[in-house]
Amino acid sequence: MIKKRIISIVTFLVVFFGFQKTLFSQFTYLEAGLGLNTLPIYSNFGSTYTSYTNISVRLSGVIRVKRYLGIGIEASIPVVQSSKFSFKQGTFFNFESAYKLEYRPSKFDYSFKESPRISVFARFFLDTRINSYVDVRVSVFKFTESFVFYRDSIPPMGEKYAIKKADFDDEIKYMEVSPGFSVGIKPHIGKHFFLNFNMGANIYIFNKTSFKHKVPFEWDSYQHDYSQVNLNSQLSKVKGVFNMNLGFGYFF
């Protein structure tokens, strides 16, 4: 599937930008490369506890319509995606203490995933030697949040009440229209080839908390009831995504 998408995108870029070259561009750039995107989701005291990272294949084309202005389109396909997670209370208790094994879930996972994305951007060149530039862009893609938690019911013991089975399987999809920017350099290396390196950021917007669960954790003999752990989505509000891209291409 990924191979077919790459072939289709390459064909489109070659035909489209080849046609545009004959009309009005100074240069047309076709590029392939890799991108690294990191989304910190929950941090505290300088440490990141929940985050999402992906490595993507990038294919792009830029028409340099003026000496200092380019217009471009880019397709980005994630090929490696990874999530790490912890919850403020859930991590502290961790459901793991030797004397609390009965409260530990058999399934416990929180993960994130992105679809391929399309970005359109304006590129403002700052010089004509190393072709340093600033990009302003908008990207469109789907972002998926998944939460899984399962624990069997716990029968009553002594003064302790029974606990019902906890079974959560949430999958929430967000359609993101994400603004962003980057700064980079694009030096020509030879008559028709160039390198490209940039760093930047995007904004992801999540309107509200998508799931909220309370899980009984341990018996509180003083309150004569179970303490509870709050396991809520950590994607609410606005998040900043940091990216770094490296590419190689051909210009004409």
Protein backbone atom coordinates (compact mmCIF):
# COMPACT_ATOMS: atom_id res chain seq x y z
CA MET A 1 0.00 0.00 0.00
CA ILE A 2 2.74 2.48 0.94
CA LYS A 3 4.72 1.60 -2.21
CA LYS A 4 1.66 2.29 -4.42
CA ARG A 5 1.05 5.62 -2.69
CA ILE A 6 4.66 6.70 -3.22
CA ILE A 7 4.55 5.78 -6.92
CA SER A 8 1.27 7.68 -7.41
CA ILE A 9 2.59 10.77 -5.64
CA VAL A 10 5.88 10.76 -7.57
CA THR A 11 4.00 10.48 -10.90
CA PHE A 12 1.71 13.37 -9.96
CA LEU A 13 4.59 15.62 -8.88
CA VAL A 14 6.65 14.96 -12.01
CA VAL A 15 3.73 15.65 -14.38
CA PHE A 16 2.33 18.63 -12.49
CA PHE A 17 5.57 20.47 -11.82
CA GLY A 18 6.98 19.62 -15.23
CA PHE A 19 3.95 21.30 -16.78
CA GLN A 20 4.20 24.31 -14.49
CA LYS A 21 7.87 24.78 -15.41
CA THR A 22 6.91 25.52 -18.99
CA LEU A 23 4.58 28.31 -17.83
CA PHE A 24 6.22 30.66 -15.36
CA SER A 25 8.74 29.26 -12.86
CA GLN A 26 12.39 30.23 -12.45
CA PHE A 27 13.17 26.83 -10.95
CA THR A 28 11.16 23.71 -10.22
CA TYR A 29 12.35 21.49 -7.35
CA LEU A 30 11.41 17.80 -6.91
CA GLU A 31 12.49 16.25 -3.61
CA ALA A 32 12.42 13.02 -1.60
CA GLY A 33 13.44 12.78 2.03
CA LEU A 34 12.79 11.71 5.61
CA GLY A 35 11.06 13.57 8.41
CA LEU A 36 11.09 13.19 12.19
CA ASN A 37 8.04 14.49 14.09
CA THR A 38 7.75 14.60 17.88
CA LEU A 39 4.58 15.46 19.79
CA PRO A 40 5.08 15.96 23.57
CA ILE A 41 1.68 15.31 25.17
CA TYR A 42 2.24 15.34 28.92
CA SER A 43 5.31 16.81 30.62
CA ASN A 44 6.13 17.69 34.21
CA PHE A 45 9.24 19.20 35.80
CA GLY A 46 11.15 18.99 32.50
CA SER A 47 10.38 15.31 31.88
CA THR A 48 8.08 14.06 29.11
CA TYR A 49 5.86 11.20 30.23
CA THR A 50 3.47 10.84 27.29
CA SER A 51 4.50 11.49 23.69
CA TYR A 52 4.12 10.43 20.07
CA THR A 53 6.91 10.17 17.47
CA ASN A 54 6.94 9.22 13.82
CA ILE A 55 9.44 8.90 11.01
CA SER A 56 7.96 9.62 7.60
CA VAL A 57 8.86 9.47 3.93
CA ARG A 58 8.42 12.89 2.31
CA LEU A 59 7.83 13.70 -1.36
CA SER A 60 7.50 17.31 -2.43
CA GLY A 61 7.63 19.78 -5.27
CA VAL A 62 8.27 23.53 -5.25
CA ILE A 63 7.81 26.08 -8.00
CA ARG A 64 10.11 29.08 -7.49
CA VAL A 65 7.87 31.65 -9.14
CA LYS A 66 10.02 34.62 -8.11
CA ARG A 67 13.58 35.02 -7.01
CA TYR A 68 12.54 35.06 -3.36
CA LEU A 69 9.22 33.21 -3.45
CA GLY A 70 8.26 29.57 -3.94
CA ILE A 71 4.93 27.71 -3.79
CA GLY A 72 4.95 24.01 -2.90
CA ILE A 73 3.03 20.86 -2.05
CA GLU A 74 4.24 17.92 0.03
CA ALA A 75 2.98 14.41 0.79
CA SER A 76 4.22 12.76 3.98
CA ILE A 77 3.68 9.06 4.75
CA PRO A 78 4.49 7.73 8.27
CA VAL A 79 6.55 4.52 8.09
CA VAL A 80 7.54 4.19 11.78
CA GLN A 81 5.20 5.31 14.57
CA SER A 82 5.75 4.97 18.31
CA SER A 83 3.96 6.07 21.47
CA LYS A 84 5.01 6.22 25.08
CA PHE A 85 2.59 6.97 27.85
CA SER A 86 1.97 7.38 31.49
CA PHE A 87 -0.80 8.94 33.52
CA LYS A 88 -0.09 11.24 36.42
CA GLN A 89 -1.88 9.09 38.99
CA GLY A 90 -1.79 5.85 37.02
CA THR A 91 1.97 5.98 36.73
CA PHE A 92 2.44 6.88 40.39
CA PHE A 93 0.41 3.89 41.54
CA ASN A 94 1.34 1.83 38.46
CA PHE A 95 -1.00 -1.00 39.52
CA GLU A 96 2.18 -2.95 40.21
CA SER A 97 2.97 -3.01 43.95
CA ALA A 98 3.49 -6.50 45.33
CA TYR A 99 0.64 -6.15 47.83
CA LYS A 100 -1.78 -4.66 45.21
CA LEU A 101 -1.53 -7.22 42.42
CA GLU A 102 -5.27 -7.81 42.41
CA TYR A 103 -5.78 -4.25 41.10
CA ARG A 104 -3.39 -4.63 38.16
CA PRO A 105 -4.99 -4.70 34.66
CA SER A 106 -4.22 -7.47 32.16
CA LYS A 107 -4.41 -4.91 29.32
CA PHE A 108 -3.27 -1.31 29.62
CA ASP A 109 -2.22 0.74 26.59
CA TYR A 110 -2.44 4.31 25.30
CA SER A 111 -1.23 4.98 21.76
CA PHE A 112 -1.44 7.41 18.85
CA LYS A 113 -1.29 7.15 15.08
CA GLU A 114 -1.23 9.52 12.09
CA SER A 115 -2.47 9.04 8.55
CA PRO A 116 -0.52 10.24 5.50
CA ARG A 117 -0.72 14.02 5.22
CA ILE A 118 -0.83 16.63 2.49
CA SER A 119 0.75 20.04 3.07
CA VAL A 120 0.72 23.19 0.98
CA PHE A 121 3.17 25.96 1.72
CA ALA A 122 4.69 29.28 0.71
CA ARG A 123 8.51 29.39 0.79
CA PHE A 124 10.20 32.76 1.28
CA PHE A 125 13.86 32.60 0.22
CA LEU A 126 16.23 34.89 2.13
CA ASP A 127 19.22 34.65 -0.21
CA THR A 128 20.33 33.03 -3.47
CA ARG A 129 23.59 31.47 -2.28
CA ILE A 130 22.67 28.73 0.18
CA ASN A 131 18.95 29.38 -0.39
CA SER A 132 18.02 29.86 3.25
CA TYR A 133 14.28 30.18 3.66
CA VAL A 134 11.21 30.37 5.86
CA ASP A 135 8.12 28.24 5.15
CA VAL A 136 4.53 28.93 6.19
CA ARG A 137 2.25 25.92 5.65
CA VAL A 138 -1.06 24.18 6.32
CA SER A 139 -1.26 20.37 6.67
CA VAL A 140 -4.33 18.12 6.51
CA PHE A 141 -4.42 14.60 8.00
CA LYS A 142 -6.18 12.29 10.49
CA PHE A 143 -4.86 11.70 14.01
CA THR A 144 -6.06 8.66 15.98
CA GLU A 145 -5.99 8.26 19.78
CA SER A 146 -6.47 4.75 21.25
CA PHE A 147 -6.92 3.74 24.87
CA VAL A 148 -7.27 0.13 26.08
CA PHE A 149 -7.79 -1.00 29.70
CA TYR A 150 -9.07 -4.33 30.96
CA ARG A 151 -9.28 -5.78 34.46
CA ASP A 152 -11.42 -8.67 35.67
CA SER A 153 -13.94 -8.19 38.45
CA ILE A 154 -12.62 -8.56 41.99
CA PRO A 155 -14.79 -10.46 44.51
CA PRO A 156 -15.48 -9.06 48.00
CA MET A 157 -12.90 -9.88 50.68
CA GLY A 158 -13.53 -9.20 54.35
CA GLU A 159 -14.76 -5.62 54.67
CA LYS A 160 -13.86 -4.87 51.04
CA TYR A 161 -16.64 -4.50 48.50
CA ALA A 162 -16.64 -6.29 45.15
CA ILE A 163 -15.28 -4.39 42.13
CA LYS A 164 -16.95 -4.68 38.76
CA LYS A 165 -14.99 -5.56 35.65
CA ALA A 166 -13.24 -2.56 33.99
CA ASP A 167 -13.26 -2.86 30.20
CA PHE A 168 -12.43 0.24 28.12
CA ASP A 169 -11.55 0.25 24.44
CA ASP A 170 -11.66 3.80 23.03
CA GLU A 171 -10.58 4.89 19.57
CA ILE A 172 -11.03 8.56 18.69
CA LYS A 173 -10.23 10.05 15.28
CA TYR A 174 -9.47 13.74 14.80
CA MET A 175 -9.38 15.56 11.47
CA GLU A 176 -6.50 18.00 11.80
CA VAL A 177 -6.01 21.17 9.75
CA SER A 178 -2.66 22.11 11.19
CA PRO A 179 -0.79 25.41 10.63
CA GLY A 180 2.99 25.41 10.86
CA PHE A 181 6.29 26.97 9.90
CA SER A 182 9.90 25.96 9.36
CA VAL A 183 13.30 27.47 8.66
CA GLY A 184 15.88 25.77 6.49
CA ILE A 185 18.58 25.82 3.87
CA LYS A 186 18.49 24.42 0.34
CA PRO A 187 21.97 24.64 -1.25
CA HIS A 188 22.50 23.59 -4.87
CA ILE A 189 25.15 20.87 -5.26
CA GLY A 190 26.09 20.70 -8.88
CA LYS A 191 24.14 21.69 -11.94
CA HIS A 192 20.80 20.08 -11.16
CA PHE A 193 20.87 18.67 -7.60
CA PHE A 194 20.27 20.12 -4.16
CA LEU A 195 20.14 19.21 -0.48
CA ASN A 196 17.43 20.40 1.87
CA PHE A 197 17.38 20.62 5.67
CA ASN A 198 14.79 22.32 7.84
CA MET A 199 13.41 22.44 11.36
CA GLY A 200 10.04 23.72 12.45
CA ALA A 201 6.81 23.23 14.33
CA ASN A 202 3.12 22.58 13.75
CA ILE A 203 0.08 23.22 15.91
CA TYR A 204 -2.40 20.42 16.66
CA ILE A 205 -5.77 21.47 18.07
CA PHE A 206 -7.87 19.13 20.22
CA ASN A 207 -11.17 20.72 21.24
CA LYS A 208 -12.05 18.66 24.31
CA THR A 209 -11.07 15.66 26.41
CA SER A 210 -12.21 12.59 24.49
CA PHE A 211 -12.44 10.02 27.32
CA LYS A 212 -12.62 10.07 31.10
CA HIS A 213 -12.47 6.92 33.23
CA LYS A 214 -12.33 6.34 36.98
CA VAL A 215 -10.82 3.02 38.05
CA PRO A 216 -11.06 1.69 41.64
CA PHE A 217 -7.52 1.16 42.80
CA GLU A 218 -7.16 0.09 46.41
CA TRP A 219 -9.22 -0.21 49.56
CA ASP A 220 -9.09 2.78 51.88
CA SER A 221 -9.94 1.42 55.33
CA TYR A 222 -10.19 4.94 56.77
CA GLN A 223 -12.83 6.03 54.21
CA HIS A 224 -14.27 2.49 54.08
CA ASP A 225 -14.30 2.65 50.27
CA TYR A 226 -12.01 2.23 47.28
CA SER A 227 -9.62 4.96 46.15
CA GLN A 228 -9.89 5.73 42.45
CA VAL A 229 -7.42 6.54 39.70
CA ASN A 230 -8.44 9.04 37.00
CA LEU A 231 -7.42 7.89 33.52
CA ASN A 232 -8.36 10.72 31.13
CA SER A 233 -7.35 11.66 27.61
CA GLN A 234 -4.27 13.86 27.54
CA LEU A 235 -4.97 15.40 24.11
CA SER A 236 -7.13 18.32 25.20
CA LYS A 237 -6.29 21.90 24.15
CA VAL A 238 -3.44 22.90 21.84
CA LYS A 239 -0.24 20.89 21.35
CA GLY A 240 3.00 21.86 19.62
CA VAL A 241 4.67 19.33 17.31
CA PHE A 242 8.37 19.65 16.52
CA ASN A 243 9.76 18.39 13.22
CA MET A 244 13.09 17.99 11.43
CA ASN A 245 13.41 17.09 7.76
CA LEU A 246 16.27 16.08 5.47
CA GLY A 247 15.91 15.74 1.72
CA PHE A 248 17.68 15.39 -1.60
CA GLY A 249 16.35 16.35 -4.99
CA TYR A 250 16.57 17.53 -8.57
CA PHE A 251 15.85 21.00 -9.94
CA PHE A 252 15.40 22.28 -13.47
